[in-house]
């Protein structure tokens, strides 16, 4: 396996997936996928074997020995088998930013795109932010694949721009959509099974339980089943608030049959009193808008004694209704 001089670590992995410096042996599969998916790539014509060999021998090969290459490319592997390819391209070392590139094996696009794309983003962010110390990474995509965007939003990317009729391709002008993430920014990302223990510890934290509607301790097995059900539900949107690598808190939106969303959130006690309560609610509202959830209203239920949350909902202009043991805060959505 070739190694990039600019990286002190070459392999980035989860339990099942990994990215490794792009392998010469994968070039023909990559060529096939690119030709099959040329409709969404900045590629003017189908690649030939000669084109691909020339690219790997004369362009890719030189990248490994450069201290500041203009791109770093990876093979995306699932259980050791290459199922995708991408990297950081158009690297601007002065401004410390780069574009994210990714393509996956065509046959997996329909059923596994969201999963593969989300995992890949988490891995390429390690390369960009932890190893190359970039400030910002972004995607630049023709607006013809709307399934790209929910994964980006759920991974903490912000929509920066929509460039109207920005590129001419395949006989027509295409809009371009740009999403980005900044190093050490505060963002919401979709909760996953990997957050089971984290959310369990939060749920049983004494400071958090003090203002919870359920006071009794929760068993890990019970929580694991509940949590798995929530993150797999199509009517639940569950997020972790992060600042860089720090996990700040969580927020959950449960949607009922009336198209209303019930909010439940918490902030880790070590981060309380620093404004994250308002941030987590504001970012959830942004996600609701970006994902086009079309909710009529959102509401939160708060115990009277939880004055910190009461102040936050009031600050964010929620309507207030009093019940016997708690307050209801509601906001109409347009």
C-alpha atoms as a PDB file:
ATOM      1  CA  UNK A   1       0.000   0.000   0.000  1.00  0.00           C
ATOM      2  CA  UNK A   2       1.322   3.442  -0.953  1.00  0.00           C
ATOM      3  CA  UNK A   3       1.508   6.095   1.763  1.00  0.00           C
ATOM      4  CA  UNK A   4       0.918   9.842   1.619  1.00  0.00           C
ATOM      5  CA  UNK A   5       3.884  11.891   2.804  1.00  0.00           C
ATOM      6  CA  UNK A   6       1.484  14.560   4.065  1.00  0.00           C
ATOM      7  CA  UNK A   7      -0.225  12.106   6.454  1.00  0.00           C
ATOM      8  CA  UNK A   8       1.281  10.433   9.520  1.00  0.00           C
ATOM      9  CA  UNK A   9      -1.626   7.966   9.492  1.00  0.00           C
ATOM     10  CA  UNK A  10      -2.863   6.229   6.356  1.00  0.00           C
ATOM     11  CA  UNK A  11      -5.862   4.125   7.393  1.00  0.00           C
ATOM     12  CA  UNK A  12      -9.069   5.507   8.915  1.00  0.00           C
ATOM     13  CA  UNK A  13     -11.711   3.002   9.908  1.00  0.00           C
ATOM     14  CA  UNK A  14     -14.861   1.948  11.704  1.00  0.00           C
ATOM     15  CA  UNK A  15     -15.781  -1.629  12.618  1.00  0.00           C
ATOM     16  CA  UNK A  16     -16.800  -2.445   9.022  1.00  0.00           C
ATOM     17  CA  UNK A  17     -15.560   0.374   6.773  1.00  0.00           C
ATOM     18  CA  UNK A  18     -12.198   1.974   6.151  1.00  0.00           C
ATOM     19  CA  UNK A  19     -10.509   4.372   3.774  1.00  0.00           C
ATOM     20  CA  UNK A  20      -6.961   3.670   2.600  1.00  0.00           C
ATOM     21  CA  UNK A  21      -4.731   5.539   0.113  1.00  0.00           C
ATOM     22  CA  UNK A  22      -6.246   4.886  -3.300  1.00  0.00           C
ATOM     23  CA  UNK A  23      -5.103   1.525  -4.653  1.00  0.00           C
ATOM     24  CA  UNK A  24      -3.926   0.969  -8.222  1.00  0.00           C
ATOM     25  CA  UNK A  25      -5.833  -2.318  -8.221  1.00  0.00           C
ATOM     26  CA  UNK A  26      -9.136  -0.457  -7.819  1.00  0.00           C
ATOM     27  CA  UNK A  27      -8.674   1.808 -10.851  1.00  0.00           C
ATOM     28  CA  UNK A  28     -10.804  -0.269 -13.264  1.00  0.00           C
ATOM     29  CA  UNK A  29     -13.743  -0.482 -10.876  1.00  0.00           C
ATOM     30  CA  UNK A  30     -13.467   3.254 -10.272  1.00  0.00           C
ATOM     31  CA  UNK A  31     -13.427   3.876 -14.039  1.00  0.00           C
ATOM     32  CA  UNK A  32     -16.556   1.759 -14.457  1.00  0.00           C
ATOM     33  CA  UNK A  33     -18.433   3.559 -11.667  1.00  0.00           C
ATOM     34  CA  UNK A  34     -17.465   6.967 -13.033  1.00  0.00           C
ATOM     35  CA  UNK A  35     -18.643   6.071 -16.509  1.00  0.00           C
ATOM     36  CA  UNK A  36     -21.915   4.683 -15.169  1.00  0.00           C
ATOM     37  CA  UNK A  37     -22.527   7.823 -13.116  1.00  0.00           C
ATOM     38  CA  UNK A  38     -21.135  10.433 -15.494  1.00  0.00           C
ATOM     39  CA  UNK A  39     -24.429  12.361 -15.271  1.00  0.00           C
ATOM     40  CA  UNK A  40     -23.492  13.864 -11.874  1.00  0.00           C
ATOM     41  CA  UNK A  41     -19.720  14.183 -12.309  1.00  0.00           C
ATOM     42  CA  UNK A  42     -17.583  16.940 -13.778  1.00  0.00           C
ATOM     43  CA  UNK A  43     -16.441  14.504 -16.458  1.00  0.00           C
ATOM     44  CA  UNK A  44     -17.085  15.439 -20.102  1.00  0.00           C
ATOM     45  CA  UNK A  45     -16.807  11.973 -21.674  1.00  0.00           C
ATOM     46  CA  UNK A  46     -16.490   8.292 -20.705  1.00  0.00           C
ATOM     47  CA  UNK A  47     -13.043   7.257 -19.503  1.00  0.00           C
ATOM     48  CA  UNK A  48     -11.002   4.685 -21.390  1.00  0.00           C
ATOM     49  CA  UNK A  49      -8.525   2.226 -19.944  1.00  0.00           C
ATOM     50  CA  UNK A  50      -5.746   4.356 -21.406  1.00  0.00           C
ATOM     51  CA  UNK A  51      -7.183   7.469 -19.744  1.00  0.00           C
ATOM     52  CA  UNK A  52      -7.383   5.733 -16.383  1.00  0.00           C
ATOM     53  CA  UNK A  53      -3.893   4.259 -16.530  1.00  0.00           C
ATOM     54  CA  UNK A  54      -2.423   7.612 -17.556  1.00  0.00           C
ATOM     55  CA  UNK A  55      -4.227   9.323 -14.673  1.00  0.00           C
ATOM     56  CA  UNK A  56      -3.026   6.841 -12.062  1.00  0.00           C
ATOM     57  CA  UNK A  57       0.543   6.689 -13.414  1.00  0.00           C
ATOM     58  CA  UNK A  58       1.061  10.391 -14.112  1.00  0.00           C
ATOM     59  CA  UNK A  59      -1.194  12.189 -11.622  1.00  0.00           C
ATOM     60  CA  UNK A  60      -2.100   9.960  -8.672  1.00  0.00           C
ATOM     61  CA  UNK A  61       1.367   8.450  -8.325  1.00  0.00           C
ATOM     62  CA  UNK A  62       2.939  11.879  -7.774  1.00  0.00           C
ATOM     63  CA  UNK A  63       0.545  12.782  -4.974  1.00  0.00           C
ATOM     64  CA  UNK A  64       2.048  10.336  -2.482  1.00  0.00           C
ATOM     65  CA  UNK A  65       5.438  12.090  -2.296  1.00  0.00           C
ATOM     66  CA  UNK A  66       4.181  15.669  -2.101  1.00  0.00           C
ATOM     67  CA  UNK A  67       4.086  17.498   1.217  1.00  0.00           C
ATOM     68  CA  UNK A  68       1.162  19.621   0.035  1.00  0.00           C
ATOM     69  CA  UNK A  69      -0.645  17.748  -2.752  1.00  0.00           C
ATOM     70  CA  UNK A  70      -3.673  19.353  -4.391  1.00  0.00           C
ATOM     71  CA  UNK A  71      -5.683  16.236  -3.594  1.00  0.00           C
ATOM     72  CA  UNK A  72      -5.556  13.106  -1.453  1.00  0.00           C
ATOM     73  CA  UNK A  73      -7.532  10.153  -2.757  1.00  0.00           C
ATOM     74  CA  UNK A  74      -8.758   7.013  -1.016  1.00  0.00           C
ATOM     75  CA  UNK A  75     -10.311   3.646  -1.734  1.00  0.00           C
ATOM     76  CA  UNK A  76     -13.422   3.169   0.420  1.00  0.00           C
ATOM     77  CA  UNK A  77     -13.560  -0.409   1.666  1.00  0.00           C
ATOM     78  CA  UNK A  78     -16.315  -2.473   3.250  1.00  0.00           C
ATOM     79  CA  UNK A  79     -14.901  -5.571   4.945  1.00  0.00           C
ATOM     80  CA  UNK A  80     -11.795  -5.252   2.772  1.00  0.00           C
ATOM     81  CA  UNK A  81     -13.641  -4.913  -0.560  1.00  0.00           C
ATOM     82  CA  UNK A  82     -13.568  -1.622  -2.465  1.00  0.00           C
ATOM     83  CA  UNK A  83     -17.106  -0.214  -2.712  1.00  0.00           C
ATOM     84  CA  UNK A  84     -16.281   3.441  -3.322  1.00  0.00           C
ATOM     85  CA  UNK A  85     -13.639   6.039  -3.982  1.00  0.00           C
ATOM     86  CA  UNK A  86     -13.076   9.671  -3.093  1.00  0.00           C
ATOM     87  CA  UNK A  87     -10.995  12.118  -1.166  1.00  0.00           C
ATOM     88  CA  UNK A  88     -10.218  15.757  -0.610  1.00  0.00           C
ATOM     89  CA  UNK A  89      -9.684  17.639  -3.874  1.00  0.00           C
ATOM     90  CA  UNK A  90      -8.836  21.200  -4.886  1.00  0.00           C
ATOM     91  CA  UNK A  91      -6.987  21.539  -1.578  1.00  0.00           C
ATOM     92  CA  UNK A  92      -6.191  25.171  -0.806  1.00  0.00           C
ATOM     93  CA  UNK A  93      -3.315  25.046   1.637  1.00  0.00           C
ATOM     94  CA  UNK A  94      -3.258  28.826   2.120  1.00  0.00           C
ATOM     95  CA  UNK A  95      -6.929  29.165   3.047  1.00  0.00           C
ATOM     96  CA  UNK A  96      -7.038  25.662   4.543  1.00  0.00           C
ATOM     97  CA  UNK A  97     -10.073  24.337   2.715  1.00  0.00           C
ATOM     98  CA  UNK A  98     -10.875  21.491   0.350  1.00  0.00           C
ATOM     99  CA  UNK A  99     -13.748  19.979  -1.605  1.00  0.00           C
ATOM    100  CA  UNK A 100     -15.054  16.526  -0.691  1.00  0.00           C
ATOM    101  CA  UNK A 101     -15.209  14.010  -3.522  1.00  0.00           C
ATOM    102  CA  UNK A 102     -17.000  10.647  -3.372  1.00  0.00           C
ATOM    103  CA  UNK A 103     -18.451   8.027  -5.656  1.00  0.00           C
ATOM    104  CA  UNK A 104     -19.699   4.595  -4.672  1.00  0.00           C
ATOM    105  CA  UNK A 105     -20.271   1.324  -6.477  1.00  0.00           C
ATOM    106  CA  UNK A 106     -23.324   1.906  -8.650  1.00  0.00           C
ATOM    107  CA  UNK A 107     -25.300  -1.148  -7.538  1.00  0.00           C
ATOM    108  CA  UNK A 108     -25.287   0.060  -3.907  1.00  0.00           C
ATOM    109  CA  UNK A 109     -26.589   3.568  -4.680  1.00  0.00           C
ATOM    110  CA  UNK A 110     -30.307   2.814  -4.411  1.00  0.00           C
ATOM    111  CA  UNK A 111     -30.391   1.022  -1.041  1.00  0.00           C
ATOM    112  CA  UNK A 112     -27.206   2.028   0.761  1.00  0.00           C
ATOM    113  CA  UNK A 113     -26.285   5.514  -0.376  1.00  0.00           C
ATOM    114  CA  UNK A 114     -27.225   7.291   2.855  1.00  0.00           C
ATOM    115  CA  UNK A 115     -25.347   4.803   5.040  1.00  0.00           C
ATOM    116  CA  UNK A 116     -22.193   4.653   2.904  1.00  0.00           C
ATOM    117  CA  UNK A 117     -22.104   8.420   2.370  1.00  0.00           C
ATOM    118  CA  UNK A 118     -22.560   9.175   6.086  1.00  0.00           C
ATOM    119  CA  UNK A 119     -19.799   6.740   7.109  1.00  0.00           C
ATOM    120  CA  UNK A 120     -17.484   8.117   4.435  1.00  0.00           C
ATOM    121  CA  UNK A 121     -18.059  11.688   5.639  1.00  0.00           C
ATOM    122  CA  UNK A 122     -17.111  10.724   9.200  1.00  0.00           C
ATOM    123  CA  UNK A 123     -13.868   9.148   7.955  1.00  0.00           C
ATOM    124  CA  UNK A 124     -12.823  11.895   5.545  1.00  0.00           C
ATOM    125  CA  UNK A 125     -13.413  14.475   8.291  1.00  0.00           C
ATOM    126  CA  UNK A 126     -10.730  12.738  10.362  1.00  0.00           C
ATOM    127  CA  UNK A 127      -8.300  13.206   7.481  1.00  0.00           C
ATOM    128  CA  UNK A 128      -9.287  16.825   6.901  1.00  0.00           C
ATOM    129  CA  UNK A 129      -9.572  18.173  10.426  1.00  0.00           C
ATOM    130  CA  UNK A 130      -7.392  15.944  12.605  1.00  0.00           C
ATOM    131  CA  UNK A 131      -4.509  15.192  10.239  1.00  0.00           C
ATOM    132  CA  UNK A 132      -4.338  17.930   7.593  1.00  0.00           C
ATOM    133  CA  UNK A 133      -5.614  20.617  10.015  1.00  0.00           C
ATOM    134  CA  UNK A 134      -7.915  22.126   7.426  1.00  0.00           C
ATOM    135  CA  UNK A 135     -10.332  24.831   8.518  1.00  0.00           C
ATOM    136  CA  UNK A 136     -13.217  24.030   6.177  1.00  0.00           C
ATOM    137  CA  UNK A 137     -14.398  21.246   3.882  1.00  0.00           C
ATOM    138  CA  UNK A 138     -17.306  21.453   1.450  1.00  0.00           C
ATOM    139  CA  UNK A 139     -19.311  19.659  -1.202  1.00  0.00           C
ATOM    140  CA  UNK A 140     -20.033  21.088  -4.648  1.00  0.00           C
ATOM    141  CA  UNK A 141     -22.848  19.199  -6.349  1.00  0.00           C
ATOM    142  CA  UNK A 142     -25.091  19.565  -9.368  1.00  0.00           C
ATOM    143  CA  UNK A 143     -28.623  19.948  -8.015  1.00  0.00           C
ATOM    144  CA  UNK A 144     -29.878  16.716  -9.577  1.00  0.00           C
ATOM    145  CA  UNK A 145     -29.425  14.298  -6.649  1.00  0.00           C
ATOM    146  CA  UNK A 146     -31.589  15.520  -3.748  1.00  0.00           C
ATOM    147  CA  UNK A 147     -30.812  12.397  -1.690  1.00  0.00           C
ATOM    148  CA  UNK A 148     -27.337  13.883  -1.099  1.00  0.00           C
ATOM    149  CA  UNK A 149     -28.578  16.668   1.117  1.00  0.00           C
ATOM    150  CA  UNK A 150     -30.315  14.955   4.077  1.00  0.00           C
ATOM    151  CA  UNK A 151     -27.150  12.980   4.823  1.00  0.00           C
ATOM    152  CA  UNK A 152     -25.114  16.176   4.786  1.00  0.00           C
ATOM    153  CA  UNK A 153     -27.557  17.995   7.063  1.00  0.00           C
ATOM    154  CA  UNK A 154     -27.703  14.998   9.417  1.00  0.00           C
ATOM    155  CA  UNK A 155     -23.894  14.954   9.530  1.00  0.00           C
ATOM    156  CA  UNK A 156     -23.689  18.580  10.633  1.00  0.00           C
ATOM    157  CA  UNK A 157     -23.072  20.329   7.315  1.00  0.00           C
ATOM    158  CA  UNK A 158     -24.623  23.714   6.561  1.00  0.00           C
ATOM    159  CA  UNK A 159     -26.054  24.748   3.229  1.00  0.00           C
ATOM    160  CA  UNK A 160     -23.841  27.668   2.215  1.00  0.00           C
ATOM    161  CA  UNK A 161     -25.135  28.514  -1.231  1.00  0.00           C
ATOM    162  CA  UNK A 162     -27.379  27.637  -4.147  1.00  0.00           C
ATOM    163  CA  UNK A 163     -25.752  28.845  -7.369  1.00  0.00           C
ATOM    164  CA  UNK A 164     -28.449  29.214 -10.003  1.00  0.00           C
ATOM    165  CA  UNK A 165     -27.671  27.763 -13.451  1.00  0.00           C
ATOM    166  CA  UNK A 166     -24.004  27.775 -12.526  1.00  0.00           C
ATOM    167  CA  UNK A 167     -22.656  24.936 -14.700  1.00  0.00           C
ATOM    168  CA  UNK A 168     -23.367  23.851 -18.272  1.00  0.00           C
ATOM    169  CA  UNK A 169     -23.518  20.081 -18.522  1.00  0.00           C
ATOM    170  CA  UNK A 170     -25.211  17.565 -20.808  1.00  0.00           C
ATOM    171  CA  UNK A 171     -26.814  20.291 -22.882  1.00  0.00           C
ATOM    172  CA  UNK A 172     -28.316  22.258 -20.020  1.00  0.00           C
ATOM    173  CA  UNK A 173     -27.418  24.687 -17.239  1.00  0.00           C
ATOM    174  CA  UNK A 174     -27.415  23.102 -13.759  1.00  0.00           C
ATOM    175  CA  UNK A 175     -27.798  24.654 -10.343  1.00  0.00           C
ATOM    176  CA  UNK A 176     -24.962  23.947  -7.921  1.00  0.00           C
ATOM    177  CA  UNK A 177     -25.519  23.397  -4.193  1.00  0.00           C
ATOM    178  CA  UNK A 178     -22.684  23.922  -1.705  1.00  0.00           C
ATOM    179  CA  UNK A 179     -22.649  22.485   1.827  1.00  0.00           C
ATOM    180  CA  UNK A 180     -19.786  22.899   4.274  1.00  0.00           C
ATOM    181  CA  UNK A 181     -18.464  22.098   7.718  1.00  0.00           C
ATOM    182  CA  UNK A 182     -15.894  24.094   9.687  1.00  0.00           C
ATOM    183  CA  UNK A 183     -13.367  22.594  12.078  1.00  0.00           C
ATOM    184  CA  UNK A 184     -14.376  22.775  15.746  1.00  0.00           C
ATOM    185  CA  UNK A 185     -17.768  24.212  14.838  1.00  0.00           C
ATOM    186  CA  UNK A 186     -20.880  23.440  16.864  1.00  0.00           C
ATOM    187  CA  UNK A 187     -23.297  21.209  14.967  1.00  0.00           C
ATOM    188  CA  UNK A 188     -25.997  18.580  15.256  1.00  0.00           C
ATOM    189  CA  UNK A 189     -25.350  15.144  13.821  1.00  0.00           C
ATOM    190  CA  UNK A 190     -27.763  12.250  13.624  1.00  0.00           C
ATOM    191  CA  UNK A 191     -27.534   9.870  16.592  1.00  0.00           C
ATOM    192  CA  UNK A 192     -26.330   6.344  15.838  1.00  0.00           C
ATOM    193  CA  UNK A 193     -26.034   3.032  17.647  1.00  0.00           C
ATOM    194  CA  UNK A 194     -22.515   4.123  18.651  1.00  0.00           C
ATOM    195  CA  UNK A 195     -24.142   6.695  20.955  1.00  0.00           C
ATOM    196  CA  UNK A 196     -25.983   4.084  23.040  1.00  0.00           C
ATOM    197  CA  UNK A 197     -23.657   4.219  26.050  1.00  0.00           C
ATOM    198  CA  UNK A 198     -23.242   7.991  25.826  1.00  0.00           C
ATOM    199  CA  UNK A 199     -26.999   8.602  25.905  1.00  0.00           C
ATOM    200  CA  UNK A 200     -27.441   5.970  28.639  1.00  0.00           C
ATOM    201  CA  UNK A 201     -24.952   7.772  30.875  1.00  0.00           C
ATOM    202  CA  UNK A 202     -26.671  11.089  30.237  1.00  0.00           C
ATOM    203  CA  UNK A 203     -30.098   9.600  30.974  1.00  0.00           C
ATOM    204  CA  UNK A 204     -28.894   8.320  34.370  1.00  0.00           C
ATOM    205  CA  UNK A 205     -26.946  11.431  35.333  1.00  0.00           C
ATOM    206  CA  UNK A 206     -28.319  12.772  38.653  1.00  0.00           C
ATOM    207  CA  UNK A 207     -28.227  16.413  37.532  1.00  0.00           C
ATOM    208  CA  UNK A 208     -30.136  15.594  34.355  1.00  0.00           C
ATOM    209  CA  UNK A 209     -32.663  13.311  36.058  1.00  0.00           C
ATOM    210  CA  UNK A 210     -33.494  16.091  38.493  1.00  0.00           C
ATOM    211  CA  UNK A 211     -35.497  17.829  35.749  1.00  0.00           C
ATOM    212  CA  UNK A 212     -36.670  14.704  33.931  1.00  0.00           C
ATOM    213  CA  UNK A 213     -40.283  13.510  34.010  1.00  0.00           C
ATOM    214  CA  UNK A 214     -39.014  10.012  34.860  1.00  0.00           C
ATOM    215  CA  UNK A 215     -36.995   9.986  38.076  1.00  0.00           C
ATOM    216  CA  UNK A 216     -36.116   6.298  38.414  1.00  0.00           C
ATOM    217  CA  UNK A 217     -32.814   4.938  37.147  1.00  0.00           C
ATOM    218  CA  UNK A 218     -32.794   3.176  33.767  1.00  0.00           C
ATOM    219  CA  UNK A 219     -31.149  -0.197  33.090  1.00  0.00           C
ATOM    220  CA  UNK A 220     -28.716  -0.383  30.176  1.00  0.00           C
ATOM    221  CA  UNK A 221     -30.653  -3.172  28.449  1.00  0.00           C
ATOM    222  CA  UNK A 222     -33.885  -1.203  28.701  1.00  0.00           C
ATOM    223  CA  UNK A 223     -32.241   1.943  27.365  1.00  0.00           C
ATOM    224  CA  UNK A 224     -30.514   0.093  24.526  1.00  0.00           C
ATOM    225  CA  UNK A 225     -33.808  -1.317  23.242  1.00  0.00           C
ATOM    226  CA  UNK A 226     -35.548   2.047  23.555  1.00  0.00           C
ATOM    227  CA  UNK A 227     -32.669   3.906  21.897  1.00  0.00           C
ATOM    228  CA  UNK A 228     -32.432   1.439  19.000  1.00  0.00           C
ATOM    229  CA  UNK A 229     -36.156   1.808  18.389  1.00  0.00           C
ATOM    230  CA  UNK A 230     -35.909   5.601  18.416  1.00  0.00           C
ATOM    231  CA  UNK A 231     -33.004   5.933  15.964  1.00  0.00           C
ATOM    232  CA  UNK A 232     -34.685   3.501  13.566  1.00  0.00           C
ATOM    233  CA  UNK A 233     -38.087   5.212  13.734  1.00  0.00           C
ATOM    234  CA  UNK A 234     -39.284   7.272  10.747  1.00  0.00           C
ATOM    235  CA  UNK A 235     -41.143   9.607  13.103  1.00  0.00           C
ATOM    236  CA  UNK A 236     -38.205  10.365  15.404  1.00  0.00           C
ATOM    237  CA  UNK A 237     -35.312  12.709  14.664  1.00  0.00           C
ATOM    238  CA  UNK A 238     -32.547  12.180  17.217  1.00  0.00           C
ATOM    239  CA  UNK A 239     -29.371  14.279  17.221  1.00  0.00           C
ATOM    240  CA  UNK A 240     -26.181  14.760  19.203  1.00  0.00           C
ATOM    241  CA  UNK A 241     -24.880  18.292  19.676  1.00  0.00           C
ATOM    242  CA  UNK A 242     -21.128  18.362  19.039  1.00  0.00           C
ATOM    243  CA  UNK A 243     -18.394  20.961  19.149  1.00  0.00           C
ATOM    244  CA  UNK A 244     -15.505  19.469  17.221  1.00  0.00           C
ATOM    245  CA  UNK A 245     -15.007  16.084  18.898  1.00  0.00           C
ATOM    246  CA  UNK A 246     -16.835  17.034  22.107  1.00  0.00           C
ATOM    247  CA  UNK A 247     -20.340  15.684  22.728  1.00  0.00           C
ATOM    248  CA  UNK A 248     -22.353  18.479  24.348  1.00  0.00           C
ATOM    249  CA  UNK A 249     -25.882  17.104  24.585  1.00  0.00           C
ATOM    250  CA  UNK A 250     -28.762  15.544  22.691  1.00  0.00           C
ATOM    251  CA  UNK A 251     -32.115  16.574  21.244  1.00  0.00           C
ATOM    252  CA  UNK A 252     -35.007  14.453  20.045  1.00  0.00           C
ATOM    253  CA  UNK A 253     -38.014  15.383  17.945  1.00  0.00           C
ATOM    254  CA  UNK A 254     -40.938  12.942  17.981  1.00  0.00           C
ATOM    255  CA  UNK A 255     -43.540  13.659  15.284  1.00  0.00           C
ATOM    256  CA  UNK A 256     -47.185  12.704  15.915  1.00  0.00           C
ATOM    257  CA  UNK A 257     -50.036  12.000  13.496  1.00  0.00           C
ATOM    258  CA  UNK A 258     -51.072  15.679  13.609  1.00  0.00           C
ATOM    259  CA  UNK A 259     -47.709  16.619  12.086  1.00  0.00           C
ATOM    260  CA  UNK A 260     -46.554  18.204  15.337  1.00  0.00           C
ATOM    261  CA  UNK A 261     -43.125  17.673  16.853  1.00  0.00           C
ATOM    262  CA  UNK A 262     -42.449  17.125  20.569  1.00  0.00           C
ATOM    263  CA  UNK A 263     -38.986  18.263  21.626  1.00  0.00           C
ATOM    264  CA  UNK A 264     -36.893  16.625  24.337  1.00  0.00           C
ATOM    265  CA  UNK A 265     -33.343  17.820  24.936  1.00  0.00           C
ATOM    266  CA  UNK A 266     -30.542  17.727  27.477  1.00  0.00           C
ATOM    267  CA  UNK A 267     -27.124  19.295  27.927  1.00  0.00           C
ATOM    268  CA  UNK A 268     -24.292  17.471  29.653  1.00  0.00           C
ATOM    269  CA  UNK A 269     -23.905  19.089  33.108  1.00  0.00           C
ATOM    270  CA  UNK A 270     -20.272  20.013  32.430  1.00  0.00           C
ATOM    271  CA  UNK A 271     -21.442  22.231  29.541  1.00  0.00           C
ATOM    272  CA  UNK A 272     -24.512  23.735  31.200  1.00  0.00           C
ATOM    273  CA  UNK A 273     -24.712  27.485  31.666  1.00  0.00           C
ATOM    274  CA  UNK A 274     -22.738  28.179  28.468  1.00  0.00           C
ATOM    275  CA  UNK A 275     -25.600  28.905  26.085  1.00  0.00           C
ATOM    276  CA  UNK A 276     -25.847  25.454  24.514  1.00  0.00           C
ATOM    277  CA  UNK A 277     -29.534  25.060  25.376  1.00  0.00           C
ATOM    278  CA  UNK A 278     -30.509  27.866  23.001  1.00  0.00           C
ATOM    279  CA  UNK A 279     -28.007  26.646  20.401  1.00  0.00           C
ATOM    280  CA  UNK A 280     -29.366  23.099  20.333  1.00  0.00           C
ATOM    281  CA  UNK A 281     -32.952  24.343  19.854  1.00  0.00           C
ATOM    282  CA  UNK A 282     -31.977  26.837  17.151  1.00  0.00           C
ATOM    283  CA  UNK A 283     -30.049  24.198  15.253  1.00  0.00           C
ATOM    284  CA  UNK A 284     -32.980  21.782  15.443  1.00  0.00           C
ATOM    285  CA  UNK A 285     -35.252  24.429  13.919  1.00  0.00           C
ATOM    286  CA  UNK A 286     -32.724  24.896  11.101  1.00  0.00           C
ATOM    287  CA  UNK A 287     -32.649  21.147  10.435  1.00  0.00           C
ATOM    288  CA  UNK A 288     -36.468  21.024  10.348  1.00  0.00           C
ATOM    289  CA  UNK A 289     -36.339  23.700   7.651  1.00  0.00           C
ATOM    290  CA  UNK A 290     -33.463  22.154   5.681  1.00  0.00           C
ATOM    291  CA  UNK A 291     -35.069  18.689   5.684  1.00  0.00           C
ATOM    292  CA  UNK A 292     -38.440  20.146   4.621  1.00  0.00           C
ATOM    293  CA  UNK A 293     -40.287  18.288   7.386  1.00  0.00           C
ATOM    294  CA  UNK A 294     -43.356  20.533   6.935  1.00  0.00           C
ATOM    295  CA  UNK A 295     -44.338  20.434  10.587  1.00  0.00           C
ATOM    296  CA  UNK A 296     -47.253  22.582  11.749  1.00  0.00           C
ATOM    297  CA  UNK A 297     -45.752  23.261  15.163  1.00  0.00           C
ATOM    298  CA  UNK A 298     -43.094  22.137  17.614  1.00  0.00           C
ATOM    299  CA  UNK A 299     -43.447  22.074  21.371  1.00  0.00           C
ATOM    300  CA  UNK A 300     -41.572  21.261  24.543  1.00  0.00           C
ATOM    301  CA  UNK A 301     -42.760  20.149  27.970  1.00  0.00           C
ATOM    302  CA  UNK A 302     -40.830  21.589  30.940  1.00  0.00           C
ATOM    303  CA  UNK A 303     -41.126  21.186  34.717  1.00  0.00           C
ATOM    304  CA  UNK A 304     -41.774  24.458  36.550  1.00  0.00           C
ATOM    305  CA  UNK A 305     -38.576  24.126  38.559  1.00  0.00           C
ATOM    306  CA  UNK A 306     -36.436  23.757  35.430  1.00  0.00           C
ATOM    307  CA  UNK A 307     -35.950  27.506  35.142  1.00  0.00           C
ATOM    308  CA  UNK A 308     -32.953  27.231  32.808  1.00  0.00           C
ATOM    309  CA  UNK A 309     -35.094  25.578  30.107  1.00  0.00           C
ATOM    310  CA  UNK A 310     -38.016  27.904  30.813  1.00  0.00           C
ATOM    311  CA  UNK A 311     -35.795  30.923  30.123  1.00  0.00           C
ATOM    312  CA  UNK A 312     -34.446  29.374  26.911  1.00  0.00           C
ATOM    313  CA  UNK A 313     -37.879  28.654  25.426  1.00  0.00           C
ATOM    314  CA  UNK A 314     -39.035  32.163  26.355  1.00  0.00           C
ATOM    315  CA  UNK A 315     -35.922  33.659  24.781  1.00  0.00           C
ATOM    316  CA  UNK A 316     -36.632  31.816  21.527  1.00  0.00           C
ATOM    317  CA  UNK A 317     -40.192  33.193  21.372  1.00  0.00           C
ATOM    318  CA  UNK A 318     -42.141  30.020  22.127  1.00  0.00           C
ATOM    319  CA  UNK A 319     -45.730  30.526  23.291  1.00  0.00           C
ATOM    320  CA  UNK A 320     -46.196  29.499  26.911  1.00  0.00           C
ATOM    321  CA  UNK A 321     -49.064  27.478  28.403  1.00  0.00           C
ATOM    322  CA  UNK A 322     -49.289  26.417  32.025  1.00  0.00           C
ATOM    323  CA  UNK A 323     -50.365  22.980  33.177  1.00  0.00           C
ATOM    324  CA  UNK A 324     -50.661  21.596  36.694  1.00  0.00           C
ATOM    325  CA  UNK A 325     -47.106  20.273  37.073  1.00  0.00           C
ATOM    326  CA  UNK A 326     -45.319  21.675  34.057  1.00  0.00           C
ATOM    327  CA  UNK A 327     -45.240  24.284  31.307  1.00  0.00           C
ATOM    328  CA  UNK A 328     -45.886  23.712  27.595  1.00  0.00           C
ATOM    329  CA  UNK A 329     -43.953  25.813  25.085  1.00  0.00           C
ATOM    330  CA  UNK A 330     -45.132  25.889  21.470  1.00  0.00           C
ATOM    331  CA  UNK A 331     -43.978  27.509  18.247  1.00  0.00           C
ATOM    332  CA  UNK A 332     -45.971  27.623  15.026  1.00  0.00           C
ATOM    333  CA  UNK A 333     -43.915  26.829  11.930  1.00  0.00           C
ATOM    334  CA  UNK A 334     -44.548  28.491   8.585  1.00  0.00           C
END
